[in-house]
Each structure stands twice: as structure tokens, then as C-alpha cells.
Amino acid sequence: MLEARGATMAHHPTSSSVLLFQQLFGNFPSHSALLDLEGQIIAVNRSWNDFGRKNGLANGYSFEGQNYLAVCENAASQCRYAVEAMIGLLDVMKAGRPTFSMVYPCHSPSEKQWYRLWIELQLPHSPSVIVAHTRLKDYFDESDTESESIRPLMGVPFELLNQPMNLRLHR
């Protein structure tokens, strides 16, 4: 059991939270996932799966059951943004921080891409976390890899770029 803001609850989201996630985020353009409070991926949306296939994962690969924290930890030795994401996710899951956001590069061989990671705690309604990756192509000139406009935004809280997304799963 997890003690969170005065309430004791299980580590896993309820089935109604999973269903609501699928209804709200199924066709959401951001790559979105629902995690339990241990980092296990409970559900992902179509954009998440499409991004995986576009980047080499086989059709039928299942993200559900994978641990998002473990993925960040494995990437941490090669990518400082994975370290920032892991620390932010742990702050949200374990320290009661309501949200975390950062901007990071995710370049492919054919194009430069920048994303905003948004993580939001779903307590007290559901012991879960929403993780959303949104492409920021409208913010930056993707052809400019050394852009002075990009450097100051690395790791900057999302609130400085735009208003919070408020991804709560309750009605």
C-alpha cells in the first residue's frame, strides 16, 4: 500500500481509470501512457504505438507491462534527458509533486524533433500517472540544430512555454 496525501491506496489504477484513459487519450495526438505508481505501463494510446512502429518496433509489440522507469534508467548512461525524465517521474510518483515537464530532443535519422514531456499525478482519484510526449514542431526551427532558442528551454518547466495541460482522469 502507498501512503499518499493522507490516503492509503493500492499501487495500481482501477479498471475504470484505465477505461477512462482509453476513452480520453485513445486518439489524443500526444504519445500518452498510463502508469502505475511503480512505473509499470498500464495502457498506451494509438499515438504511442504508432510512434513505436514508425521507429522500428514490430507490429504487435506490447508496451503494457514494461516499466517506464527501467527504460529511463537503461537510457540514462547515454542520455542526460533520460536522467531528468526519471528524476521528474520519481518526484511525481514518490514525492507527491503534482506535475513535471521538460523539453528534450528526439531526433531521427531523417529529421530533427523536439518534444515536451508532461507527467501528471492522478491522486486521489486513481493511483496512477499520465505521461505524455508532445512534439513541439511549431516552437522551433528543426533545421537549426544549434539554435540559441532551444538551449534555454532544455529542462525548463512547461509552465514557461504554455499553460498546464491538466490531464486529470476524473470527471
N, C-alpha and C. Protein backbone atom coordinates (compact mmCIF):
# COMPACT_ATOMS: atom_id res chain seq x y z
N MET A 1 0.84 -1.18 0.00
CA MET A 1 0.00 0.00 0.00
C MET A 1 0.88 1.24 0.00
N LEU A 2 0.35 2.31 -0.55
CA LEU A 2 1.08 3.56 -0.68
C LEU A 2 0.37 4.63 0.11
N GLU A 3 1.08 5.36 0.90
CA GLU A 3 0.52 6.48 1.64
C GLU A 3 0.68 7.71 0.76
N ALA A 4 -0.41 8.34 0.40
CA ALA A 4 -0.35 9.50 -0.49
C ALA A 4 -1.33 10.56 -0.03
N ARG A 5 -0.81 11.68 0.41
CA ARG A 5 -1.63 12.81 0.82
C ARG A 5 -2.73 12.38 1.79
N GLY A 6 -2.36 11.58 2.77
CA GLY A 6 -3.28 11.19 3.82
C GLY A 6 -4.20 10.03 3.50
N ALA A 7 -4.13 9.48 2.31
CA ALA A 7 -5.00 8.37 1.94
C ALA A 7 -4.16 7.14 1.63
N THR A 8 -4.60 5.99 2.11
CA THR A 8 -3.91 4.75 1.81
C THR A 8 -4.59 4.10 0.62
N MET A 9 -3.80 3.66 -0.37
CA MET A 9 -4.39 3.06 -1.56
C MET A 9 -3.43 2.07 -2.18
N ALA A 10 -3.95 1.24 -3.05
CA ALA A 10 -3.12 0.29 -3.78
C ALA A 10 -2.26 1.04 -4.78
N HIS A 11 -1.22 0.37 -5.31
CA HIS A 11 -0.31 0.98 -6.28
C HIS A 11 -0.88 1.02 -7.69
N HIS A 12 -1.96 0.31 -7.96
CA HIS A 12 -2.43 0.16 -9.34
C HIS A 12 -3.71 0.95 -9.59
N PRO A 13 -3.83 1.53 -10.79
CA PRO A 13 -5.05 2.24 -11.14
C PRO A 13 -6.22 1.28 -11.23
N THR A 14 -7.41 1.82 -11.02
CA THR A 14 -8.61 1.00 -11.13
C THR A 14 -8.93 0.74 -12.60
N SER A 15 -9.74 -0.29 -12.85
CA SER A 15 -10.13 -0.58 -14.23
C SER A 15 -10.92 0.58 -14.82
N SER A 16 -11.66 1.32 -14.00
CA SER A 16 -12.40 2.47 -14.52
C SER A 16 -11.43 3.57 -14.96
N SER A 17 -10.28 3.71 -14.28
CA SER A 17 -9.28 4.69 -14.69
C SER A 17 -8.65 4.30 -16.02
N VAL A 18 -8.41 3.01 -16.21
CA VAL A 18 -7.85 2.53 -17.47
C VAL A 18 -8.85 2.78 -18.60
N LEU A 19 -10.11 2.47 -18.38
CA LEU A 19 -11.13 2.70 -19.39
C LEU A 19 -11.26 4.18 -19.71
N LEU A 20 -11.26 5.02 -18.71
CA LEU A 20 -11.34 6.46 -18.93
C LEU A 20 -10.13 6.97 -19.69
N PHE A 21 -8.94 6.46 -19.34
CA PHE A 21 -7.73 6.83 -20.09
C PHE A 21 -7.91 6.49 -21.57
N GLN A 22 -8.37 5.28 -21.85
CA GLN A 22 -8.54 4.86 -23.24
C GLN A 22 -9.57 5.71 -23.96
N GLN A 23 -10.64 6.10 -23.27
CA GLN A 23 -11.66 6.94 -23.88
C GLN A 23 -11.13 8.35 -24.15
N LEU A 24 -10.40 8.92 -23.19
CA LEU A 24 -9.93 10.30 -23.32
C LEU A 24 -8.69 10.44 -24.20
N PHE A 25 -7.78 9.48 -24.11
CA PHE A 25 -6.49 9.62 -24.75
C PHE A 25 -6.27 8.68 -25.93
N GLY A 26 -7.24 7.83 -26.24
CA GLY A 26 -7.08 6.85 -27.31
C GLY A 26 -6.65 7.46 -28.63
N ASN A 27 -7.24 8.58 -29.00
CA ASN A 27 -6.90 9.24 -30.26
C ASN A 27 -6.21 10.58 -30.04
N PHE A 28 -5.73 10.81 -28.84
CA PHE A 28 -5.03 12.05 -28.49
C PHE A 28 -3.73 12.11 -29.30
N PRO A 29 -3.39 13.27 -29.88
CA PRO A 29 -2.19 13.33 -30.74
C PRO A 29 -0.87 13.16 -29.99
N SER A 30 -0.83 13.49 -28.70
CA SER A 30 0.40 13.28 -27.92
C SER A 30 0.57 11.79 -27.64
N HIS A 31 1.81 11.34 -27.60
CA HIS A 31 2.10 9.94 -27.25
C HIS A 31 1.86 9.84 -25.74
N SER A 32 0.81 9.15 -25.34
CA SER A 32 0.38 9.15 -23.94
C SER A 32 0.33 7.74 -23.37
N ALA A 33 0.68 7.65 -22.08
CA ALA A 33 0.65 6.37 -21.37
C ALA A 33 0.12 6.57 -19.96
N LEU A 34 -0.52 5.54 -19.44
CA LEU A 34 -0.98 5.49 -18.06
C LEU A 34 -0.05 4.54 -17.33
N LEU A 35 0.57 5.01 -16.25
CA LEU A 35 1.49 4.20 -15.46
C LEU A 35 0.93 3.98 -14.07
N ASP A 36 1.30 2.87 -13.44
CA ASP A 36 1.00 2.73 -12.03
C ASP A 36 2.09 3.46 -11.24
N LEU A 37 1.99 3.46 -9.94
CA LEU A 37 2.94 4.24 -9.12
C LEU A 37 4.29 3.56 -8.92
N GLU A 38 4.50 2.43 -9.61
CA GLU A 38 5.81 1.79 -9.65
C GLU A 38 6.48 2.00 -11.00
N GLY A 39 5.78 2.66 -11.93
CA GLY A 39 6.33 2.94 -13.25
C GLY A 39 5.93 1.96 -14.32
N GLN A 40 5.13 0.95 -13.98
CA GLN A 40 4.69 -0.03 -14.96
C GLN A 40 3.66 0.60 -15.89
N ILE A 41 3.83 0.38 -17.19
CA ILE A 41 2.88 0.90 -18.17
C ILE A 41 1.63 0.04 -18.15
N ILE A 42 0.50 0.68 -17.88
CA ILE A 42 -0.79 0.00 -17.80
C ILE A 42 -1.52 0.08 -19.13
N ALA A 43 -1.44 1.25 -19.80
CA ALA A 43 -2.12 1.44 -21.09
C ALA A 43 -1.39 2.53 -21.86
N VAL A 44 -1.43 2.44 -23.18
CA VAL A 44 -0.88 3.47 -24.05
C VAL A 44 -1.93 3.80 -25.11
N ASN A 45 -1.79 4.97 -25.72
CA ASN A 45 -2.74 5.34 -26.76
C ASN A 45 -2.20 5.00 -28.15
N ARG A 46 -3.02 5.25 -29.15
CA ARG A 46 -2.66 4.94 -30.52
C ARG A 46 -1.40 5.68 -30.96
N SER A 47 -1.27 6.95 -30.59
CA SER A 47 -0.08 7.72 -30.98
C SER A 47 1.20 7.11 -30.43
N TRP A 48 1.15 6.60 -29.22
CA TRP A 48 2.31 5.95 -28.60
C TRP A 48 2.71 4.73 -29.42
N ASN A 49 1.73 3.89 -29.74
CA ASN A 49 2.00 2.69 -30.54
C ASN A 49 2.50 3.05 -31.94
N ASP A 50 1.87 4.04 -32.57
CA ASP A 50 2.28 4.45 -33.92
C ASP A 50 3.73 4.95 -33.92
N PHE A 51 4.10 5.72 -32.90
CA PHE A 51 5.47 6.23 -32.80
C PHE A 51 6.45 5.06 -32.67
N GLY A 52 6.10 4.07 -31.87
CA GLY A 52 6.96 2.90 -31.72
C GLY A 52 7.17 2.16 -33.03
N ARG A 53 6.08 1.93 -33.76
CA ARG A 53 6.19 1.24 -35.05
C ARG A 53 6.99 2.07 -36.05
N LYS A 54 6.73 3.38 -36.08
CA LYS A 54 7.46 4.26 -37.00
C LYS A 54 8.96 4.25 -36.73
N ASN A 55 9.33 3.95 -35.49
CA ASN A 55 10.74 3.95 -35.11
C ASN A 55 11.31 2.55 -34.92
N GLY A 56 10.70 1.56 -35.59
CA GLY A 56 11.34 0.25 -35.68
C GLY A 56 10.78 -0.87 -34.83
N LEU A 57 9.81 -0.63 -33.98
CA LEU A 57 9.25 -1.73 -33.19
C LEU A 57 8.30 -2.55 -34.06
N ALA A 58 8.30 -3.83 -33.85
CA ALA A 58 7.48 -4.74 -34.65
C ALA A 58 6.00 -4.54 -34.35
N ASN A 59 5.17 -4.75 -35.37
CA ASN A 59 3.72 -4.76 -35.14
C ASN A 59 3.42 -5.79 -34.08
N GLY A 60 2.50 -5.47 -33.21
CA GLY A 60 2.13 -6.40 -32.15
C GLY A 60 2.95 -6.26 -30.88
N TYR A 61 4.04 -5.45 -30.91
CA TYR A 61 4.81 -5.24 -29.69
C TYR A 61 3.91 -4.60 -28.66
N SER A 62 3.97 -5.05 -27.43
CA SER A 62 3.13 -4.51 -26.37
C SER A 62 3.96 -3.72 -25.37
N PHE A 63 3.61 -2.46 -25.22
CA PHE A 63 4.26 -1.62 -24.21
C PHE A 63 3.72 -1.92 -22.83
N GLU A 64 2.47 -2.37 -22.75
CA GLU A 64 1.85 -2.67 -21.48
C GLU A 64 2.67 -3.72 -20.74
N GLY A 65 2.91 -3.46 -19.47
CA GLY A 65 3.72 -4.36 -18.66
C GLY A 65 5.18 -3.97 -18.60
N GLN A 66 5.64 -3.13 -19.54
CA GLN A 66 7.01 -2.63 -19.49
C GLN A 66 7.11 -1.59 -18.37
N ASN A 67 8.29 -1.39 -17.83
CA ASN A 67 8.47 -0.40 -16.77
C ASN A 67 9.15 0.84 -17.34
N TYR A 68 8.45 1.94 -17.30
CA TYR A 68 8.93 3.20 -17.86
C TYR A 68 10.18 3.68 -17.12
N LEU A 69 10.22 3.50 -15.81
CA LEU A 69 11.41 3.87 -15.03
C LEU A 69 12.62 3.06 -15.46
N ALA A 70 12.43 1.78 -15.72
CA ALA A 70 13.55 0.93 -16.15
C ALA A 70 14.06 1.38 -17.51
N VAL A 71 13.17 1.79 -18.40
CA VAL A 71 13.58 2.29 -19.72
C VAL A 71 14.42 3.55 -19.54
N CYS A 72 13.96 4.47 -18.67
CA CYS A 72 14.73 5.69 -18.40
C CYS A 72 16.10 5.36 -17.80
N GLU A 73 16.11 4.42 -16.86
CA GLU A 73 17.37 4.04 -16.22
C GLU A 73 18.34 3.43 -17.23
N ASN A 74 17.84 2.59 -18.13
CA ASN A 74 18.71 1.98 -19.14
C ASN A 74 19.28 3.02 -20.09
N ALA A 75 18.51 4.06 -20.38
CA ALA A 75 18.97 5.10 -21.30
C ALA A 75 19.82 6.16 -20.60
N ALA A 76 19.82 6.19 -19.29
CA ALA A 76 20.46 7.26 -18.53
C ALA A 76 21.96 7.38 -18.77
N SER A 77 22.64 6.29 -19.02
CA SER A 77 24.09 6.36 -19.23
C SER A 77 24.44 7.03 -20.56
N GLN A 78 23.50 7.09 -21.47
CA GLN A 78 23.76 7.68 -22.79
C GLN A 78 23.01 8.99 -23.01
N CYS A 79 22.09 9.34 -22.12
CA CYS A 79 21.22 10.50 -22.39
C CYS A 79 20.87 11.23 -21.10
N ARG A 80 21.33 12.46 -20.99
CA ARG A 80 21.03 13.23 -19.78
C ARG A 80 19.54 13.53 -19.65
N TYR A 81 18.82 13.56 -20.77
CA TYR A 81 17.39 13.83 -20.72
C TYR A 81 16.64 12.66 -20.10
N ALA A 82 17.15 11.45 -20.28
CA ALA A 82 16.54 10.28 -19.64
C ALA A 82 16.70 10.37 -18.13
N VAL A 83 17.83 10.90 -17.67
CA VAL A 83 18.05 11.10 -16.23
C VAL A 83 17.05 12.12 -15.71
N GLU A 84 16.91 13.25 -16.41
CA GLU A 84 15.95 14.28 -15.99
C GLU A 84 14.53 13.73 -15.95
N ALA A 85 14.16 12.96 -16.97
CA ALA A 85 12.82 12.37 -17.02
C ALA A 85 12.60 11.40 -15.86
N MET A 86 13.60 10.58 -15.57
CA MET A 86 13.50 9.61 -14.48
C MET A 86 13.35 10.32 -13.13
N ILE A 87 14.14 11.34 -12.90
CA ILE A 87 14.06 12.09 -11.65
C ILE A 87 12.70 12.77 -11.54
N GLY A 88 12.23 13.38 -12.63
CA GLY A 88 10.92 14.02 -12.63
C GLY A 88 9.80 13.04 -12.35
N LEU A 89 9.86 11.88 -12.99
CA LEU A 89 8.83 10.86 -12.78
C LEU A 89 8.85 10.36 -11.33
N LEU A 90 10.02 10.13 -10.78
CA LEU A 90 10.12 9.71 -9.38
C LEU A 90 9.58 10.77 -8.44
N ASP A 91 9.85 12.04 -8.73
CA ASP A 91 9.32 13.13 -7.91
C ASP A 91 7.78 13.11 -7.91
N VAL A 92 7.21 12.85 -9.07
CA VAL A 92 5.74 12.81 -9.17
C VAL A 92 5.20 11.56 -8.48
N MET A 93 5.80 10.40 -8.73
CA MET A 93 5.28 9.15 -8.19
C MET A 93 5.51 8.99 -6.69
N LYS A 94 6.66 9.43 -6.21
CA LYS A 94 7.04 9.11 -4.83
C LYS A 94 7.07 10.31 -3.89
N ALA A 95 7.29 11.51 -4.40
CA ALA A 95 7.46 12.68 -3.53
C ALA A 95 6.22 13.58 -3.52
N GLY A 96 5.18 13.20 -4.24
CA GLY A 96 3.95 13.96 -4.21
C GLY A 96 3.95 15.22 -5.07
N ARG A 97 4.95 15.40 -5.91
CA ARG A 97 4.95 16.53 -6.82
C ARG A 97 3.78 16.33 -7.79
N PRO A 98 2.91 17.32 -7.99
CA PRO A 98 1.73 17.09 -8.83
C PRO A 98 2.03 16.96 -10.32
N THR A 99 3.04 17.70 -10.82
CA THR A 99 3.38 17.64 -12.24
C THR A 99 4.88 17.81 -12.44
N PHE A 100 5.33 17.38 -13.60
CA PHE A 100 6.71 17.61 -14.04
C PHE A 100 6.66 17.78 -15.55
N SER A 101 7.50 18.66 -16.07
CA SER A 101 7.60 18.79 -17.52
C SER A 101 9.01 19.20 -17.90
N MET A 102 9.37 18.87 -19.13
CA MET A 102 10.67 19.25 -19.66
C MET A 102 10.59 19.20 -21.19
N VAL A 103 11.54 19.86 -21.83
CA VAL A 103 11.67 19.83 -23.28
C VAL A 103 12.94 19.05 -23.59
N TYR A 104 12.89 18.18 -24.61
CA TYR A 104 14.05 17.36 -24.94
C TYR A 104 14.09 17.07 -26.44
N PRO A 105 15.29 16.79 -26.96
CA PRO A 105 15.39 16.42 -28.38
C PRO A 105 15.13 14.92 -28.55
N CYS A 106 14.55 14.57 -29.68
CA CYS A 106 14.34 13.16 -30.03
C CYS A 106 14.49 13.05 -31.54
N HIS A 107 15.72 13.26 -31.99
CA HIS A 107 15.99 13.32 -33.43
C HIS A 107 16.01 11.93 -34.04
N SER A 108 15.46 11.86 -35.23
CA SER A 108 15.53 10.62 -36.01
C SER A 108 16.59 10.81 -37.09
N PRO A 109 16.96 9.76 -37.79
CA PRO A 109 17.95 9.93 -38.87
C PRO A 109 17.49 10.91 -39.94
N SER A 110 16.19 11.05 -40.12
CA SER A 110 15.70 11.90 -41.21
C SER A 110 15.25 13.29 -40.80
N GLU A 111 15.05 13.54 -39.49
CA GLU A 111 14.59 14.87 -39.09
C GLU A 111 14.93 15.17 -37.63
N LYS A 112 15.03 16.48 -37.37
CA LYS A 112 15.24 16.96 -36.01
C LYS A 112 13.87 17.12 -35.37
N GLN A 113 13.72 16.60 -34.16
CA GLN A 113 12.45 16.66 -33.46
C GLN A 113 12.67 17.07 -32.01
N TRP A 114 11.80 17.93 -31.50
CA TRP A 114 11.82 18.34 -30.10
C TRP A 114 10.46 17.99 -29.50
N TYR A 115 10.49 17.52 -28.26
CA TYR A 115 9.28 17.12 -27.57
C TYR A 115 9.19 17.77 -26.20
N ARG A 116 7.95 17.87 -25.73
CA ARG A 116 7.69 18.26 -24.34
C ARG A 116 7.19 17.00 -23.64
N LEU A 117 7.83 16.64 -22.54
CA LEU A 117 7.36 15.56 -21.68
C LEU A 117 6.53 16.19 -20.57
N TRP A 118 5.33 15.68 -20.40
CA TRP A 118 4.45 16.15 -19.32
C TRP A 118 4.05 14.95 -18.50
N ILE A 119 4.26 15.02 -17.18
CA ILE A 119 3.91 13.94 -16.26
C ILE A 119 2.97 14.52 -15.22
N GLU A 120 1.85 13.85 -14.98
CA GLU A 120 0.89 14.35 -14.01
C GLU A 120 0.36 13.23 -13.13
N LEU A 121 0.38 13.47 -11.84
CA LEU A 121 -0.13 12.54 -10.84
C LEU A 121 -1.65 12.54 -10.86
N GLN A 122 -2.26 11.37 -10.73
CA GLN A 122 -3.71 11.24 -10.79
C GLN A 122 -4.34 11.01 -9.42
N LEU A 123 -3.68 11.35 -8.33
CA LEU A 123 -4.26 11.19 -7.00
C LEU A 123 -5.20 12.34 -6.72
N PRO A 124 -6.19 12.19 -5.89
CA PRO A 124 -6.58 11.00 -5.14
C PRO A 124 -7.52 10.07 -5.90
N HIS A 125 -7.89 10.45 -7.11
CA HIS A 125 -8.90 9.70 -7.84
C HIS A 125 -8.41 8.34 -8.34
N SER A 126 -7.15 8.24 -8.66
CA SER A 126 -6.60 7.00 -9.16
C SER A 126 -5.12 6.97 -8.85
N PRO A 127 -4.60 5.88 -8.29
CA PRO A 127 -3.16 5.80 -8.02
C PRO A 127 -2.40 5.56 -9.32
N SER A 128 -2.24 6.62 -10.10
CA SER A 128 -1.61 6.47 -11.41
C SER A 128 -0.97 7.79 -11.84
N VAL A 129 -0.25 7.68 -12.94
CA VAL A 129 0.45 8.83 -13.51
C VAL A 129 0.18 8.82 -15.02
N ILE A 130 -0.09 9.99 -15.57
CA ILE A 130 -0.20 10.15 -17.01
C ILE A 130 1.15 10.68 -17.50
N VAL A 131 1.68 10.07 -18.53
CA VAL A 131 2.91 10.54 -19.20
C VAL A 131 2.52 10.87 -20.64
N ALA A 132 2.83 12.09 -21.07
CA ALA A 132 2.51 12.50 -22.44
C ALA A 132 3.73 13.17 -23.07
N HIS A 133 4.04 12.75 -24.29
CA HIS A 133 5.13 13.35 -25.08
C HIS A 133 4.47 14.07 -26.26
N THR A 134 4.69 15.38 -26.34
CA THR A 134 4.07 16.18 -27.40
C THR A 134 5.16 16.81 -28.25
N ARG A 135 5.05 16.61 -29.55
CA ARG A 135 6.02 17.20 -30.47
C ARG A 135 5.84 18.71 -30.51
N LEU A 136 6.97 19.43 -30.49
CA LEU A 136 6.94 20.89 -30.44
C LEU A 136 7.37 21.52 -31.75
N LYS A 137 6.96 20.96 -32.84
CA LYS A 137 7.46 21.43 -34.13
C LYS A 137 7.10 22.89 -34.39
N ASP A 138 6.06 23.40 -33.79
CA ASP A 138 5.69 24.79 -34.01
C ASP A 138 6.53 25.77 -33.21
N TYR A 139 7.31 25.27 -32.24
CA TYR A 139 8.10 26.14 -31.39
C TYR A 139 9.49 26.45 -31.94
N PHE A 140 10.05 25.54 -32.74
CA PHE A 140 11.45 25.65 -33.10
C PHE A 140 11.68 25.43 -34.59
N ASP A 141 12.76 25.97 -35.07
CA ASP A 141 13.21 25.70 -36.43
C ASP A 141 14.00 24.39 -36.36
N GLU A 142 13.40 23.30 -36.82
CA GLU A 142 14.01 21.98 -36.68
C GLU A 142 15.27 21.81 -37.51
N SER A 143 15.50 22.67 -38.48
CA SER A 143 16.71 22.55 -39.28
C SER A 143 17.92 23.15 -38.56
N ASP A 144 17.68 23.92 -37.52
CA ASP A 144 18.75 24.59 -36.79
C ASP A 144 19.10 23.78 -35.54
N THR A 145 20.09 22.90 -35.64
CA THR A 145 20.43 22.02 -34.52
C THR A 145 21.15 22.75 -33.40
N GLU A 146 21.70 23.90 -33.67
CA GLU A 146 22.42 24.67 -32.64
C GLU A 146 21.64 25.92 -32.25
N SER A 147 20.35 25.88 -32.40
CA SER A 147 19.52 27.05 -32.17
C SER A 147 19.70 27.64 -30.79
N GLU A 148 19.93 28.94 -30.74
CA GLU A 148 20.01 29.64 -29.46
C GLU A 148 18.65 29.63 -28.77
N SER A 149 17.57 29.49 -29.56
CA SER A 149 16.24 29.50 -28.95
C SER A 149 15.93 28.19 -28.24
N ILE A 150 16.60 27.11 -28.59
CA ILE A 150 16.33 25.81 -27.99
C ILE A 150 17.10 25.63 -26.68
N ARG A 151 18.35 26.02 -26.64
CA ARG A 151 19.20 25.75 -25.47
C ARG A 151 18.58 26.22 -24.16
N PRO A 152 18.04 27.42 -24.08
CA PRO A 152 17.48 27.85 -22.79
C PRO A 152 16.26 27.05 -22.35
N LEU A 153 15.63 26.30 -23.25
CA LEU A 153 14.42 25.58 -22.91
C LEU A 153 14.65 24.17 -22.41
N MET A 154 15.87 23.68 -22.51
CA MET A 154 16.14 22.32 -22.07
C MET A 154 15.90 22.20 -20.56
N GLY A 155 14.98 21.36 -20.19
CA GLY A 155 14.67 21.13 -18.79
C GLY A 155 13.86 22.22 -18.14
N VAL A 156 13.43 23.23 -18.90
CA VAL A 156 12.64 24.32 -18.34
C VAL A 156 11.23 23.82 -18.08
N PRO A 157 10.64 24.18 -16.94
CA PRO A 157 9.27 23.75 -16.70
C PRO A 157 8.33 24.21 -17.81
N PHE A 158 7.41 23.35 -18.12
CA PHE A 158 6.47 23.60 -19.21
C PHE A 158 5.66 24.88 -18.99
N GLU A 159 5.43 25.26 -17.73
CA GLU A 159 4.63 26.45 -17.45
C GLU A 159 5.20 27.68 -18.14
N LEU A 160 6.50 27.69 -18.41
CA LEU A 160 7.11 28.82 -19.08
C LEU A 160 6.86 28.79 -20.59
N LEU A 161 6.45 27.66 -21.12
CA LEU A 161 6.14 27.56 -22.55
C LEU A 161 4.67 27.77 -22.83
N ASN A 162 3.83 27.33 -21.92
CA ASN A 162 2.40 27.35 -22.17
C ASN A 162 1.68 27.07 -20.86
N GLN A 163 0.38 26.98 -20.87
CA GLN A 163 -0.40 26.67 -19.69
C GLN A 163 -0.35 25.17 -19.42
N PRO A 164 -0.52 24.76 -18.14
CA PRO A 164 -0.54 23.33 -17.83
C PRO A 164 -1.62 22.59 -18.61
N MET A 165 -1.37 21.31 -18.87
CA MET A 165 -2.28 20.52 -19.69
C MET A 165 -3.49 20.00 -18.90
N ASN A 166 -3.37 19.84 -17.57
CA ASN A 166 -4.44 19.33 -16.73
C ASN A 166 -5.03 18.04 -17.31
N LEU A 167 -4.29 16.96 -17.17
CA LEU A 167 -4.67 15.68 -17.75
C LEU A 167 -5.42 14.77 -16.79
N ARG A 168 -6.09 15.32 -15.80
CA ARG A 168 -6.77 14.51 -14.79
C ARG A 168 -7.75 13.53 -15.40
N LEU A 169 -7.83 12.34 -14.81
CA LEU A 169 -8.72 11.29 -15.30
C LEU A 169 -10.06 11.25 -14.59
N HIS A 170 -10.39 12.22 -13.81
CA HIS A 170 -11.68 12.22 -13.15
C HIS A 170 -12.62 13.18 -13.86
N ARG A 171 -13.89 12.97 -13.64
CA ARG A 171 -14.90 13.81 -14.31
C ARG A 171 -15.37 14.91 -13.40
